Amino acid sequence: MFAGPLPPYGRRRSNGGRAPAPAGRTGRGATGGPVEYNLADLFESVVDAAPEREALVCLDLPGTGAERRLTYAELDAAANRVAHHLTGAGIGPGEHVGLHLYNGVEYVQTLYGCLKARIVPVNVNYRYVEDELAHLYRDTDLVGLVFDAEFTDRVAGALPRTERLRHLVRVGHPGAGASSGGPAGSAVPFAEATAAAPPERGFAVRSGDDLFLICTGGTTGMPKGVMWRQEDLFFSGLGGGAPTGEPVRTPGELAERVAAGGAGLTFFPTPPLMHGTAAMTALIGLHYGQRIALHRRFSPQDVLRTVEKERVSAMSLVGDAMLRPLVDALRGPMRGTDLSSLFTVSSSGAILSETVRAQFAELAPRVRLINNFGSSESGFNGTATGDAGPERGFRVEVNARTAVVDPVTHGPVAPGEPGRIAQRGHVPLGYYNDPEKTAETFFERDGERWVLLGDMGTVGADGVVTVLGRGSQCINTGGEKVYPEEVEQALKAHPDVYDALVAGVPDATWGNHVAAVVQPRAGAEPPTLEEIQRHCRARLAGYKIPRRLVTVPEIRRSPSGKADYRWAVTVATGAADRG
C-alpha cells in the first residue's frame, strides 16, 4: 500500500482497488475546466451558486468577545488570500502545512487556502507539548505552519528539532513573556500576510487525487497521518454532498442542489476543528451550502447561548465529556434555553452513554441524539440503534461497505464471532511515512481497498454490528476479554459517577484485572469499590466487574473529549503498586 512521497500531480491514477467513481463530471473548475471531486473545486462551485449566503459565524473572537460573519463569497476571497500567500512563500503542490490553531475564521480560511493551492493541510493537536509537536512536525514533513500566538513558546521549543519547516505564519499577538526571537517570534503576522495577497482565485487545475491528511492518535500512541484522496474523503467523510440522502452522481450536481435547496440550516461543530468530528461537520455544512457556527473553545453556557441565538439546527460533539456539561448547564444556569431550532445532536469519536442520553432527552425531548460510528481511517460507518446500552452493547446499523472480518485472513466472520470491523471502497491510501502500520491496517480483497478499524465487533444475523471496543485496549483477564467501553457504560449509570475510564492492571493470578478510574459527581460522596461492584453486577458478567477503584478529581481527556487511556493505565497501575 502507498505510503511516503506524494503521488504525481496533474494526472489520474488507476482505480487502485477502490469502488468505482460515480460517472460523469459537469461544471467548471478552477481554470475553467471540469469540476473534479476535489474539495476546493466543490467548495468554489458552492460559492458560485450562493455567493451572498452566510457561510460562517465565529462568536468569540479572542480578547474582544465580538463576532465575525462571512458570506460564501467573503470566505472564498479570504481563502484565496491565504493560498496566494503560501504559494508566494514558495510552498508548492503536495507540500504540507500545519494548522496549529483554535477554532475560528482563520482555521477555515487556511484549510481552504491550502486546498485551493493543492497544498496538503495537516491538523495539529494544540494540546501537544514540545516533544509531541516536534515528532508531528517531522513525521508529517511540514514545510509551513500557521499557528495561534498563544502557542508561540511551544512552537519555538519544537522548531530546533525539525528539518523542513521553513515558513511560519502567526495568528494574533504573543502575550507578555512569549518568545520574541528566533523563527517562531519572527513569524509573518497572519493579518499582514493575507492583506498583501490578492482575493481572486487563479489557481492550477486540481484533482480528486489531491491529498488530505488527518492526524489521529496521541492518546494511545504517537500521532499518525491518515492519507485520504479528496474524492474518497468526499464520499466517506462528507456523505457525498448529501449527508441525509443520496450522494451526488456528478461534481456539478452539488452546486445544483445548493442553488435549488436554499439556506436554512446552521451546523455547529463544538469540538476543536483539529478533531476529525468537527472538521467533517464543518465541511459537510459548507459543501451543503449551509451556515457554520464556531466557538474558539468549548464552553457549555456559551454553546447553549449560541444554539438559541443563532437558531442552530445540528450540533456535533464528542461523547459524555461534552454532553454532560451541557446537561448540567441546562439543569442550572441555562435552564429554559430555547432549543426549539435544534433537530439533532450527534456524537462521533466517543460513545454517548445511555445515562447521559436519558438526562439530555428529559431536558430536550424533541432533539434527536445520534451515536455515530466512524474513524479517521474510515469516515462514517453507521449509527447506533435505539436499543444500545450496557446490557446489549453498542449496536450499530452499518452501511453496505462495512463488515466484520477475521483480522488475519480478512475473510468475513460467522454471526456472533468476534472480528475486526473493516470498511471497503472509498478508504484512505494508508498512513503517511509508515509503511509497516499501513501494511497492518490496509489490504485489498476482491479488487477493492479495505481498511481495518481499531475496533472489534460481532455481526448478528440481522446484519447489526455490536461494537466491542478498541482491540488495543482490550483487557485479558484469565483468558476472558473485557472491552473498556462496555464497563464504562455501566459505571456511568451510577448516580454518583460523573465520568469514568477503565484499564487493565497486572495481576499475578489472572494476568490482568479490571480497574476503574472514576471522577465522582460534584457534591456526591465518592462511591466505594463495594458499591461500584454491586452496581455493575446487575449489568455485567462477573469477570468484567472492576476489582480496583481509583477516584480522581478529573478524568483526563483530549480537548475534543477522547479518552486518554495511557493516562488511565498509569493512574490505575500506580494505585495498584501503592496498594
Protein backbone atom coordinates (compact mmCIF):
# COMPACT_ATOMS: atom_id res chain seq x y z
CA MET A 1 0.00 0.00 0.00
CA PHE A 2 1.17 3.53 -0.82
CA ALA A 3 2.90 5.44 1.95
CA GLY A 4 5.51 8.19 1.90
CA PRO A 5 6.08 10.53 -1.06
CA LEU A 6 3.03 12.01 -2.68
CA PRO A 7 1.63 10.66 -5.96
CA PRO A 8 2.37 12.56 -9.17
CA TYR A 9 0.18 15.63 -9.51
CA GLY A 10 -1.76 16.53 -12.61
CA ARG A 11 -2.55 13.03 -13.81
CA ARG A 12 -5.12 10.44 -12.82
CA ARG A 13 -4.03 7.16 -11.33
CA SER A 14 -5.78 3.85 -11.93
CA ASN A 15 -8.71 2.95 -9.70
CA GLY A 16 -6.34 1.26 -7.24
CA GLY A 17 -8.91 -1.15 -5.86
CA ARG A 18 -11.47 1.38 -4.68
CA ALA A 19 -15.14 1.43 -5.51
CA PRO A 20 -15.91 2.77 -9.00
CA ALA A 21 -16.16 6.55 -9.08
CA PRO A 22 -19.60 7.98 -9.87
CA ALA A 23 -19.95 8.60 -13.58
CA GLY A 24 -19.96 11.99 -15.27
CA ARG A 25 -18.46 15.35 -14.39
CA THR A 26 -20.12 18.65 -15.05
CA GLY A 27 -19.49 22.25 -14.06
CA ARG A 28 -16.36 24.38 -14.35
CA GLY A 29 -13.29 24.12 -12.16
CA ALA A 30 -10.54 26.49 -11.03
CA THR A 31 -9.28 27.27 -14.54
CA GLY A 32 -12.48 26.77 -16.47
CA GLY A 33 -12.01 23.01 -16.78
CA PRO A 34 -14.41 20.42 -15.43
CA VAL A 35 -15.09 20.30 -11.69
CA GLU A 36 -13.39 17.36 -10.01
CA TYR A 37 -14.30 15.54 -6.82
CA ASN A 38 -11.82 17.89 -5.22
CA LEU A 39 -12.80 19.74 -2.05
CA ALA A 40 -11.61 23.13 -3.32
CA ASP A 41 -13.34 22.67 -6.70
CA LEU A 42 -16.55 21.61 -4.96
CA PHE A 43 -16.42 24.48 -2.47
CA GLU A 44 -15.90 27.00 -5.25
CA SER A 45 -18.88 25.59 -7.11
CA VAL A 46 -20.98 26.14 -3.97
CA VAL A 47 -19.64 29.70 -3.66
CA ASP A 48 -20.63 30.44 -7.25
CA ALA A 49 -24.11 29.04 -6.64
CA ALA A 50 -24.76 31.05 -3.45
CA PRO A 51 -22.15 33.83 -3.07
CA GLU A 52 -24.21 36.10 -0.80
CA ARG A 53 -25.41 33.34 1.51
CA GLU A 54 -23.92 33.49 5.03
CA ALA A 55 -21.31 30.75 5.38
CA LEU A 56 -19.57 31.23 8.70
CA VAL A 57 -20.09 32.96 12.02
CA CYS A 58 -17.44 32.98 14.75
CA LEU A 59 -18.81 34.20 18.04
CA ASP A 60 -15.97 34.79 20.49
CA LEU A 61 -13.03 36.50 18.84
CA PRO A 62 -10.03 36.46 21.19
CA GLY A 63 -9.74 39.41 23.54
CA THR A 64 -12.97 41.04 22.37
CA GLY A 65 -15.87 38.63 22.68
CA ALA A 66 -17.03 40.05 19.35
CA GLU A 67 -18.34 38.03 16.43
CA ARG A 68 -17.35 37.82 12.79
CA ARG A 69 -19.60 36.79 9.90
CA LEU A 70 -18.60 35.87 6.35
CA THR A 71 -20.66 35.12 3.28
CA TYR A 72 -19.57 32.36 0.91
CA ALA A 73 -18.02 34.95 -1.39
CA GLU A 74 -16.15 36.57 1.51
CA LEU A 75 -14.88 33.22 2.79
CA ASP A 76 -13.77 32.30 -0.71
CA ALA A 77 -11.82 35.54 -1.08
CA ALA A 78 -10.27 35.11 2.36
CA ALA A 79 -9.12 31.58 1.47
CA ASN A 80 -7.71 32.83 -1.84
CA ARG A 81 -5.53 35.30 0.06
CA VAL A 82 -4.06 32.51 2.21
CA ALA A 83 -3.45 30.35 -0.87
CA HIS A 84 -1.63 33.15 -2.69
CA HIS A 85 0.47 33.97 0.35
CA LEU A 86 1.58 30.35 0.79
CA THR A 87 2.43 29.89 -2.86
CA GLY A 88 4.23 33.23 -2.86
CA ALA A 89 6.31 31.93 0.06
CA GLY A 90 7.47 29.07 -2.15
CA ILE A 91 5.17 26.32 -0.84
CA GLY A 92 4.09 24.17 -3.74
CA PRO A 93 1.52 21.47 -4.57
CA GLY A 94 1.87 18.36 -2.44
CA GLU A 95 3.85 20.06 0.32
CA HIS A 96 2.45 20.04 3.85
CA VAL A 97 1.29 22.96 6.02
CA GLY A 98 0.24 22.51 9.65
CA LEU A 99 -2.83 24.16 11.19
CA HIS A 100 -1.92 24.70 14.85
CA LEU A 101 -4.97 26.77 15.69
CA TYR A 102 -8.01 27.13 17.90
CA ASN A 103 -11.38 27.28 16.15
CA GLY A 104 -12.02 30.43 14.17
CA VAL A 105 -12.25 32.07 10.78
CA GLU A 106 -8.50 31.64 10.34
CA TYR A 107 -8.74 27.86 10.65
CA VAL A 108 -11.41 27.51 7.95
CA GLN A 109 -9.75 30.17 5.79
CA THR A 110 -6.37 28.43 5.98
CA LEU A 111 -7.84 24.99 5.39
CA TYR A 112 -9.49 26.06 2.14
CA GLY A 113 -6.47 28.17 1.23
CA CYS A 114 -4.29 25.06 1.34
CA LEU A 115 -6.79 23.03 -0.66
CA LYS A 116 -7.08 25.72 -3.33
CA ALA A 117 -3.30 25.77 -3.84
CA ARG A 118 -3.08 21.94 -3.75
CA ILE A 119 -1.10 22.18 -0.52
CA VAL A 120 -1.84 19.38 1.95
CA PRO A 121 -3.36 20.71 5.21
CA VAL A 122 -2.31 18.90 8.40
CA ASN A 123 -4.27 19.24 11.63
CA VAL A 124 -2.14 19.83 14.75
CA ASN A 125 -3.40 18.97 18.23
CA TYR A 126 -2.98 22.23 20.15
CA ARG A 127 -2.70 20.35 23.43
CA TYR A 128 0.58 18.74 22.40
CA VAL A 129 3.75 19.65 24.28
CA GLU A 130 7.08 20.37 22.59
CA ASP A 131 8.22 16.75 22.20
CA GLU A 132 4.93 15.69 20.62
CA LEU A 133 4.90 18.72 18.35
CA ALA A 134 8.47 18.07 17.20
CA HIS A 135 7.50 14.48 16.35
CA LEU A 136 4.41 15.57 14.41
CA TYR A 137 6.22 18.36 12.56
CA ARG A 138 8.96 15.92 11.48
CA ASP A 139 6.79 12.88 10.82
CA THR A 140 4.39 14.77 8.55
CA ASP A 141 7.17 16.70 6.77
CA LEU A 142 5.72 20.12 7.47
CA VAL A 143 7.25 22.93 5.43
CA GLY A 144 4.83 25.57 6.68
CA LEU A 145 2.89 26.24 9.88
CA VAL A 146 0.02 28.59 10.69
CA PHE A 147 -0.29 28.88 14.47
CA ASP A 148 -2.11 30.86 17.13
CA ALA A 149 0.08 33.29 19.05
CA GLU A 150 -0.75 31.53 22.34
CA PHE A 151 1.38 28.60 21.16
CA THR A 152 4.49 30.65 20.30
CA ASP A 153 6.64 29.24 23.10
CA ARG A 154 5.76 25.61 22.31
CA VAL A 155 6.36 26.17 18.60
CA ALA A 156 9.71 27.79 19.39
CA GLY A 157 10.68 24.81 21.53
CA ALA A 158 9.84 22.29 18.81
CA LEU A 159 11.39 24.13 15.85
CA PRO A 160 15.07 23.28 16.50
CA ARG A 161 14.18 19.59 16.10
CA THR A 162 12.56 19.99 12.69
CA GLU A 163 14.39 19.89 9.38
CA ARG A 164 11.96 21.04 6.71
CA LEU A 165 9.74 23.62 8.42
CA ARG A 166 10.71 26.89 6.76
CA HIS A 167 7.71 29.23 6.76
CA LEU A 168 5.63 30.31 9.75
CA VAL A 169 2.53 32.48 9.96
CA ARG A 170 1.28 33.68 13.36
CA VAL A 171 -2.36 34.49 14.11
CA GLY A 172 -2.65 37.21 16.76
CA HIS A 173 -0.04 38.77 19.01
CA PRO A 174 2.13 36.84 21.51
CA GLY A 175 1.36 37.65 25.11
CA ALA A 176 3.81 39.02 27.63
CA GLY A 177 6.70 36.65 28.22
CA ALA A 178 6.29 34.77 24.92
CA SER A 179 9.33 34.15 22.75
CA SER A 180 10.11 37.22 20.67
CA GLY A 181 13.28 36.00 18.99
CA GLY A 182 14.08 33.14 16.65
CA PRO A 183 11.92 31.82 13.80
CA ALA A 184 8.76 31.49 15.92
CA GLY A 185 8.99 35.06 17.19
CA SER A 186 9.64 36.43 13.69
CA ALA A 187 6.76 34.58 12.03
CA VAL A 188 4.75 36.53 9.46
CA PRO A 189 1.64 38.06 11.08
CA PHE A 190 -1.47 36.48 9.55
CA ALA A 191 -3.23 39.81 9.07
CA GLU A 192 -0.27 41.23 7.14
CA ALA A 193 0.19 38.08 5.07
CA THR A 194 -3.41 37.99 3.92
CA ALA A 195 -3.80 41.73 3.43
CA ALA A 196 -0.91 41.72 0.96
CA ALA A 197 -2.29 38.80 -1.09
CA PRO A 198 -4.93 39.08 -3.84
CA PRO A 199 -8.52 37.89 -3.18
CA GLU A 200 -9.04 36.41 -6.66
CA ARG A 201 -8.69 32.69 -7.48
CA GLY A 202 -6.32 32.00 -10.36
CA PHE A 203 -5.06 28.54 -9.35
CA ALA A 204 -3.86 25.50 -11.26
CA VAL A 205 -6.11 22.60 -12.22
CA ARG A 206 -6.79 20.29 -9.28
CA SER A 207 -7.53 16.60 -8.98
CA GLY A 208 -9.64 14.23 -6.92
CA ASP A 209 -6.30 12.52 -6.20
CA ASP A 210 -5.06 15.55 -4.22
CA LEU A 211 -4.38 14.53 -0.64
CA PHE A 212 -5.94 15.48 2.67
CA LEU A 213 -4.01 14.40 5.77
CA ILE A 214 -5.81 13.72 9.07
CA CYS A 215 -3.51 13.22 12.05
CA THR A 216 -5.01 10.81 14.55
CA GLY A 217 -3.79 9.25 17.77
CA GLY A 218 -1.75 10.71 20.56
CA THR A 219 -3.84 9.18 23.37
CA THR A 220 -2.90 5.56 22.64
CA GLY A 221 0.32 6.25 20.74
CA MET A 222 2.18 8.87 18.76
CA PRO A 223 0.07 10.63 16.11
CA LYS A 224 -0.28 9.07 12.66
CA GLY A 225 -1.17 10.89 9.44
CA VAL A 226 -4.05 9.22 7.58
CA MET A 227 -3.73 9.88 3.83
CA TRP A 228 -7.06 10.47 2.10
CA ARG A 229 -7.63 11.12 -1.57
CA GLN A 230 -10.06 14.02 -1.55
CA GLU A 231 -12.55 12.15 -3.74
CA ASP A 232 -12.61 9.29 -1.24
CA LEU A 233 -12.97 11.66 1.72
CA PHE A 234 -15.85 13.46 0.00
CA PHE A 235 -17.85 10.24 -0.22
CA SER A 236 -16.80 8.51 3.02
CA GLY A 237 -16.46 11.51 5.33
CA LEU A 238 -18.76 14.14 3.86
CA GLY A 239 -21.66 12.00 2.69
CA GLY A 240 -21.07 12.72 -0.99
CA GLY A 241 -22.73 16.13 -0.75
CA ALA A 242 -25.94 14.71 0.74
CA PRO A 243 -25.42 13.75 4.38
CA THR A 244 -29.06 12.70 4.77
CA GLY A 245 -29.84 11.47 1.24
CA GLU A 246 -28.39 10.09 -1.98
CA PRO A 247 -24.82 11.14 -2.83
CA VAL A 248 -24.34 13.31 -5.91
CA ARG A 249 -23.66 11.46 -9.16
CA THR A 250 -21.53 14.22 -10.69
CA PRO A 251 -19.43 17.00 -9.13
CA GLY A 252 -21.54 19.62 -10.86
CA GLU A 253 -24.69 18.29 -9.25
CA LEU A 254 -23.53 19.61 -5.88
CA ALA A 255 -23.93 23.26 -6.89
CA GLU A 256 -27.29 22.46 -8.50
CA ARG A 257 -28.54 21.04 -5.20
CA VAL A 258 -27.22 24.05 -3.27
CA ALA A 259 -28.96 26.50 -5.60
CA ALA A 260 -32.22 24.56 -5.53
CA GLY A 261 -32.24 23.83 -1.81
CA GLY A 262 -31.62 27.26 -0.37
CA ALA A 263 -30.26 28.15 3.06
CA GLY A 264 -31.87 27.46 6.40
CA LEU A 265 -29.63 25.10 8.35
CA THR A 266 -26.93 26.01 10.85
CA PHE A 267 -24.30 23.38 11.68
CA PHE A 268 -22.45 23.79 14.97
CA PRO A 269 -19.27 21.72 15.43
CA THR A 270 -18.44 22.23 19.11
CA PRO A 271 -15.15 20.23 19.35
CA PRO A 272 -11.86 21.67 18.09
CA LEU A 273 -11.61 21.71 14.30
CA MET A 274 -8.31 19.86 14.64
CA HIS A 275 -10.50 16.85 15.55
CA GLY A 276 -11.99 14.90 12.66
CA THR A 277 -15.54 15.09 14.05
CA ALA A 278 -15.59 18.89 13.97
CA ALA A 279 -13.72 19.26 10.69
CA MET A 280 -16.05 16.88 8.87
CA THR A 281 -19.12 18.59 10.35
CA ALA A 282 -17.87 21.95 9.10
CA LEU A 283 -17.01 20.63 5.64
CA ILE A 284 -20.37 18.86 5.34
CA GLY A 285 -22.20 22.07 6.16
CA LEU A 286 -20.14 24.22 3.80
CA HIS A 287 -20.35 21.72 0.93
CA TYR A 288 -24.10 21.58 1.52
CA GLY A 289 -24.37 25.36 1.16
CA GLN A 290 -25.42 25.98 4.75
CA ARG A 291 -24.09 28.04 7.64
CA ILE A 292 -21.42 27.04 10.19
CA ALA A 293 -21.24 28.46 13.72
CA LEU A 294 -17.95 28.27 15.64
CA HIS A 295 -16.68 28.99 19.13
CA ARG A 296 -12.99 29.40 19.76
CA ARG A 297 -13.15 26.91 22.64
CA PHE A 298 -15.84 24.75 24.21
CA SER A 299 -17.85 26.40 26.98
CA PRO A 300 -21.22 24.77 27.87
CA GLN A 301 -23.02 28.01 28.62
CA ASP A 302 -21.69 29.75 25.51
CA VAL A 303 -22.64 26.74 23.38
CA LEU A 304 -26.23 26.85 24.62
CA ARG A 305 -26.44 30.63 24.13
CA THR A 306 -25.29 30.14 20.54
CA VAL A 307 -27.85 27.40 19.88
CA GLU A 308 -30.56 29.82 20.97
CA LYS A 309 -29.17 32.99 19.36
CA GLU A 310 -28.13 31.50 16.01
CA ARG A 311 -31.04 29.03 15.74
CA VAL A 312 -28.68 26.07 15.41
CA SER A 313 -30.09 23.06 13.56
CA ALA A 314 -27.44 20.37 14.04
CA MET A 315 -24.73 20.19 16.68
CA SER A 316 -21.82 17.75 16.85
CA LEU A 317 -19.77 16.82 19.90
CA VAL A 318 -17.63 14.01 21.30
CA GLY A 319 -19.20 11.77 23.93
CA ASP A 320 -20.29 12.35 27.51
CA ALA A 321 -17.34 14.64 28.19
CA MET A 322 -19.12 17.32 26.13
CA LEU A 323 -22.81 16.36 26.50
CA ARG A 324 -22.77 16.01 30.30
CA PRO A 325 -21.65 19.64 30.90
CA LEU A 326 -24.48 20.75 28.60
CA VAL A 327 -26.93 18.73 30.71
CA ASP A 328 -25.57 20.32 33.90
CA ALA A 329 -25.89 23.80 32.39
CA LEU A 330 -29.48 23.14 31.25
CA ARG A 331 -30.34 21.98 34.74
CA GLY A 332 -28.67 25.04 36.27
CA PRO A 333 -27.71 28.48 34.91
CA MET A 334 -29.05 27.83 31.39
CA ARG A 335 -32.41 26.42 32.45
CA GLY A 336 -35.08 27.46 29.96
CA THR A 337 -32.72 27.92 26.99
CA ASP A 338 -34.71 27.87 23.75
CA LEU A 339 -33.64 24.71 21.89
CA SER A 340 -36.61 24.68 19.51
CA SER A 341 -34.41 25.09 16.41
CA LEU A 342 -32.22 22.10 17.30
CA PHE A 343 -33.01 18.92 15.33
CA THR A 344 -30.02 16.70 16.10
CA VAL A 345 -27.07 16.34 18.45
CA SER A 346 -24.58 13.81 17.15
CA SER A 347 -21.51 12.28 18.77
CA SER A 348 -18.52 10.76 17.00
CA GLY A 349 -15.20 9.62 18.43
CA ALA A 350 -16.71 8.59 21.77
CA ILE A 351 -19.92 6.84 22.75
CA LEU A 352 -22.73 8.71 24.48
CA SER A 353 -23.75 6.63 27.49
CA GLU A 354 -27.41 5.72 27.95
CA THR A 355 -27.43 7.54 31.28
CA VAL A 356 -26.39 10.90 29.85
CA ARG A 357 -28.58 10.40 26.79
CA ALA A 358 -31.60 9.90 29.04
CA GLN A 359 -30.75 13.00 31.08
CA PHE A 360 -30.49 15.16 27.95
CA ALA A 361 -33.68 13.66 26.49
CA GLU A 362 -35.61 14.77 29.59
CA LEU A 363 -34.43 18.35 29.05
CA ALA A 364 -34.73 18.41 25.23
CA PRO A 365 -37.26 15.72 24.24
CA ARG A 366 -37.63 16.95 20.64
CA VAL A 367 -33.93 16.70 19.85
CA ARG A 368 -32.69 13.50 18.25
CA LEU A 369 -29.50 12.18 19.86
CA ILE A 370 -27.28 10.24 17.46
CA ASN A 371 -24.32 8.00 18.27
CA ASN A 372 -22.34 7.93 15.04
CA PHE A 373 -19.68 5.31 14.47
CA GLY A 374 -16.62 6.01 12.36
CA SER A 375 -12.96 6.90 12.47
CA SER A 376 -10.25 8.98 10.85
CA GLU A 377 -9.36 5.87 8.83
CA SER A 378 -12.89 5.10 7.57
CA GLY A 379 -15.06 8.19 7.69
CA PHE A 380 -18.67 7.33 8.53
CA ASN A 381 -19.62 3.68 9.14
CA GLY A 382 -23.05 3.74 10.73
CA THR A 383 -25.35 4.89 13.51
CA ALA A 384 -26.17 3.22 16.81
CA THR A 385 -29.54 1.53 17.14
CA GLY A 386 -32.04 2.73 19.71
CA ASP A 387 -31.63 -0.39 21.85
CA ALA A 388 -27.90 0.00 22.55
CA GLY A 389 -26.81 0.01 26.18
CA PRO A 390 -24.67 -1.73 28.80
CA GLU A 391 -26.76 -4.91 28.63
CA ARG A 392 -26.84 -5.25 24.82
CA GLY A 393 -23.67 -3.40 23.89
CA PHE A 394 -23.12 -0.62 21.36
CA ARG A 395 -25.17 -1.86 18.40
CA VAL A 396 -24.63 -0.15 15.05
CA GLU A 397 -26.58 -0.26 11.81
CA VAL A 398 -23.67 -0.08 9.41
CA ASN A 399 -23.52 0.94 5.76
CA ALA A 400 -23.15 -1.60 2.97
CA ARG A 401 -19.38 -1.06 2.79
CA THR A 402 -18.73 -2.08 6.42
CA ALA A 403 -18.13 -5.67 7.57
CA VAL A 404 -16.64 -7.69 10.44
CA VAL A 405 -13.66 -9.72 9.26
CA ASP A 406 -11.05 -12.09 10.61
CA PRO A 407 -8.02 -9.93 11.47
CA VAL A 408 -5.61 -12.47 9.93
CA THR A 409 -7.38 -13.94 6.88
CA HIS A 410 -9.55 -10.82 6.23
CA GLY A 411 -12.44 -13.12 5.42
CA PRO A 412 -15.92 -12.49 6.88
CA VAL A 413 -16.60 -13.94 10.33
CA ALA A 414 -19.66 -16.02 11.21
CA PRO A 415 -22.53 -14.30 13.04
CA GLY A 416 -21.67 -13.92 16.71
CA GLU A 417 -17.93 -14.48 16.21
CA PRO A 418 -15.64 -11.57 17.16
CA GLY A 419 -13.53 -9.91 14.49
CA ARG A 420 -12.16 -6.57 13.33
CA ILE A 421 -14.57 -4.04 11.88
CA ALA A 422 -13.48 -3.11 8.35
CA GLN A 423 -14.62 -0.87 5.50
CA ARG A 424 -14.09 -1.13 1.77
CA GLY A 425 -14.21 1.20 -1.22
CA HIS A 426 -13.60 4.88 -0.52
CA VAL A 427 -10.92 4.40 2.14
CA PRO A 428 -7.55 6.09 2.72
CA LEU A 429 -4.33 5.20 0.93
CA GLY A 430 -2.55 4.45 4.21
CA TYR A 431 -0.50 6.16 6.91
CA TYR A 432 1.97 8.81 5.88
CA ASN A 433 5.60 7.74 6.31
CA ASP A 434 4.57 4.47 7.98
CA PRO A 435 4.57 1.53 5.53
CA GLU A 436 4.64 -1.02 8.37
CA LYS A 437 1.49 0.30 10.03
CA THR A 438 -0.10 0.73 6.60
CA ALA A 439 0.51 -2.94 5.81
CA GLU A 440 -1.09 -3.93 9.14
CA THR A 441 -4.19 -1.79 8.64
CA PHE A 442 -4.94 -1.65 4.90
CA PHE A 443 -5.41 -4.56 2.50
CA GLU A 444 -7.01 -5.46 -0.82
CA ARG A 445 -9.63 -8.13 -1.37
CA ASP A 446 -11.66 -8.94 -4.47
CA GLY A 447 -10.24 -5.93 -6.29
CA GLU A 448 -11.18 -3.37 -3.62
CA ARG A 449 -9.25 -1.47 -0.98
CA TRP A 450 -10.13 -2.25 2.64
CA VAL A 451 -9.17 -0.70 5.98
CA LEU A 452 -9.20 -2.48 9.34
CA LEU A 453 -10.57 -0.27 12.11
CA GLY A 454 -9.15 -0.49 15.61
CA ASP A 455 -12.50 -1.70 16.95
CA MET A 456 -13.53 -5.30 17.48
CA GLY A 457 -17.11 -6.35 16.90
CA THR A 458 -19.58 -9.11 16.16
CA VAL A 459 -22.28 -9.16 13.50
CA GLY A 460 -25.75 -10.52 14.14
CA ALA A 461 -27.98 -12.46 11.81
CA ASP A 462 -29.87 -9.19 11.18
CA GLY A 463 -26.66 -7.51 9.98
CA VAL A 464 -26.43 -5.22 13.01
CA VAL A 465 -22.87 -4.92 14.34
CA THR A 466 -22.18 -4.91 18.08
CA VAL A 467 -19.04 -2.87 18.72
CA LEU A 468 -16.98 -4.48 21.48
CA GLY A 469 -14.32 -1.79 21.76
CA ARG A 470 -10.76 -0.96 20.76
CA GLY A 471 -8.71 -4.09 20.36
CA SER A 472 -5.60 -2.28 21.61
CA GLN A 473 -7.35 -1.53 24.93
CA CYS A 474 -8.85 -4.99 25.39
CA ILE A 475 -8.15 -6.42 28.89
CA ASN A 476 -7.33 -10.15 29.04
CA THR A 477 -8.29 -11.41 32.48
CA GLY A 478 -7.99 -15.16 33.00
CA GLY A 479 -8.43 -15.71 29.27
CA GLU A 480 -11.64 -13.66 29.10
CA LYS A 481 -11.67 -10.46 27.04
CA VAL A 482 -13.05 -7.26 28.54
CA TYR A 483 -13.53 -4.13 26.43
CA PRO A 484 -13.29 -0.91 28.50
CA GLU A 485 -16.17 0.90 26.76
CA GLU A 486 -18.70 -1.69 27.92
CA VAL A 487 -17.64 -1.36 31.57
CA GLU A 488 -17.51 2.44 31.30
CA GLN A 489 -21.13 2.48 30.11
CA ALA A 490 -22.16 0.58 33.25
CA LEU A 491 -20.08 2.80 35.54
CA LYS A 492 -21.60 5.99 34.14
CA ALA A 493 -25.05 4.71 35.03
CA HIS A 494 -24.13 5.02 38.73
CA PRO A 495 -25.74 8.20 40.11
CA ASP A 496 -22.55 9.36 41.86
CA VAL A 497 -20.20 8.81 38.88
CA TYR A 498 -19.59 11.81 36.65
CA ASP A 499 -17.03 10.24 34.30
CA ALA A 500 -15.01 7.03 34.15
CA LEU A 501 -12.28 5.19 32.27
CA VAL A 502 -11.36 1.52 32.58
CA ALA A 503 -7.90 -0.02 32.31
CA GLY A 504 -6.18 -3.35 32.85
CA VAL A 505 -3.81 -3.76 35.82
CA PRO A 506 -1.29 -6.63 36.03
CA ASP A 507 -2.49 -9.50 38.21
CA ALA A 508 -0.34 -12.44 39.33
CA THR A 509 -3.28 -14.86 39.13
CA TRP A 510 -5.39 -13.65 36.21
CA GLY A 511 -2.80 -11.88 34.07
CA ASN A 512 -4.76 -8.63 34.37
CA HIS A 513 -7.75 -7.43 36.32
CA VAL A 514 -10.23 -4.66 35.58
CA ALA A 515 -9.60 -1.31 37.26
CA ALA A 516 -11.98 1.67 37.21
CA VAL A 517 -10.74 5.25 37.29
CA VAL A 518 -13.72 7.35 38.40
CA GLN A 519 -14.46 11.06 38.66
CA PRO A 520 -17.25 11.43 41.25
CA ARG A 521 -20.13 13.81 40.62
CA ALA A 522 -19.62 17.22 42.27
CA GLY A 523 -21.12 17.26 45.76
CA ALA A 524 -21.58 13.50 45.85
CA GLU A 525 -19.84 11.12 48.23
CA PRO A 526 -17.27 9.12 46.21
CA PRO A 527 -18.59 5.59 45.72
CA THR A 528 -16.76 2.71 47.33
CA LEU A 529 -15.45 -0.29 45.44
CA GLU A 530 -18.15 -2.44 47.01
CA GLU A 531 -20.86 -0.03 45.83
CA ILE A 532 -19.40 0.02 42.30
CA GLN A 533 -19.23 -3.77 42.20
CA ARG A 534 -22.81 -4.14 43.42
CA HIS A 535 -23.99 -1.62 40.83
CA CYS A 536 -22.12 -3.35 37.97
CA ARG A 537 -23.10 -6.90 38.95
CA ALA A 538 -26.63 -6.39 37.63
CA ARG A 539 -25.30 -5.15 34.28
CA LEU A 540 -22.12 -7.10 33.56
CA ALA A 541 -20.72 -10.61 33.69
CA GLY A 542 -18.66 -11.30 36.79
CA TYR A 543 -15.26 -11.21 35.09
CA LYS A 544 -15.97 -7.70 33.78
CA ILE A 545 -16.63 -6.17 37.21
CA PRO A 546 -13.86 -3.81 38.41
CA ARG A 547 -11.57 -5.28 41.06
CA ARG A 548 -9.94 -1.95 41.81
CA LEU A 549 -11.33 1.58 42.09
CA VAL A 550 -9.33 4.80 41.83
CA THR A 551 -11.10 8.12 42.32
CA VAL A 552 -9.62 11.25 40.73
CA PRO A 553 -10.63 14.93 40.69
CA GLU A 554 -10.97 14.88 36.89
CA ILE A 555 -10.76 12.31 34.12
CA ARG A 556 -8.12 13.29 31.59
CA ARG A 557 -9.39 13.60 28.03
CA SER A 558 -8.26 15.36 24.87
CA PRO A 559 -9.74 18.81 24.08
CA SER A 560 -12.29 17.00 21.90
CA GLY A 561 -13.37 14.61 24.68
CA LYS A 562 -11.49 11.49 23.58
CA ALA A 563 -10.30 9.16 26.33
CA ASP A 564 -6.65 9.21 27.38
CA TYR A 565 -6.13 5.53 28.08
CA ARG A 566 -2.40 5.84 28.56
CA TRP A 567 -3.10 8.14 31.48
CA ALA A 568 -5.77 5.79 32.87
CA VAL A 569 -3.38 2.83 32.79
CA THR A 570 -0.72 4.89 34.57
CA VAL A 571 -3.14 6.03 37.28
CA ALA A 572 -4.65 2.57 37.81
CA THR A 573 -1.27 0.79 37.78
CA GLY A 574 0.23 3.35 40.17
CA ALA A 575 -2.63 2.84 42.61
CA ALA A 576 -2.16 -0.93 42.37
CA ASP A 577 1.56 -0.58 43.07
CA ARG A 578 0.86 1.56 46.13
CA GLY A 579 -1.88 -0.80 47.28
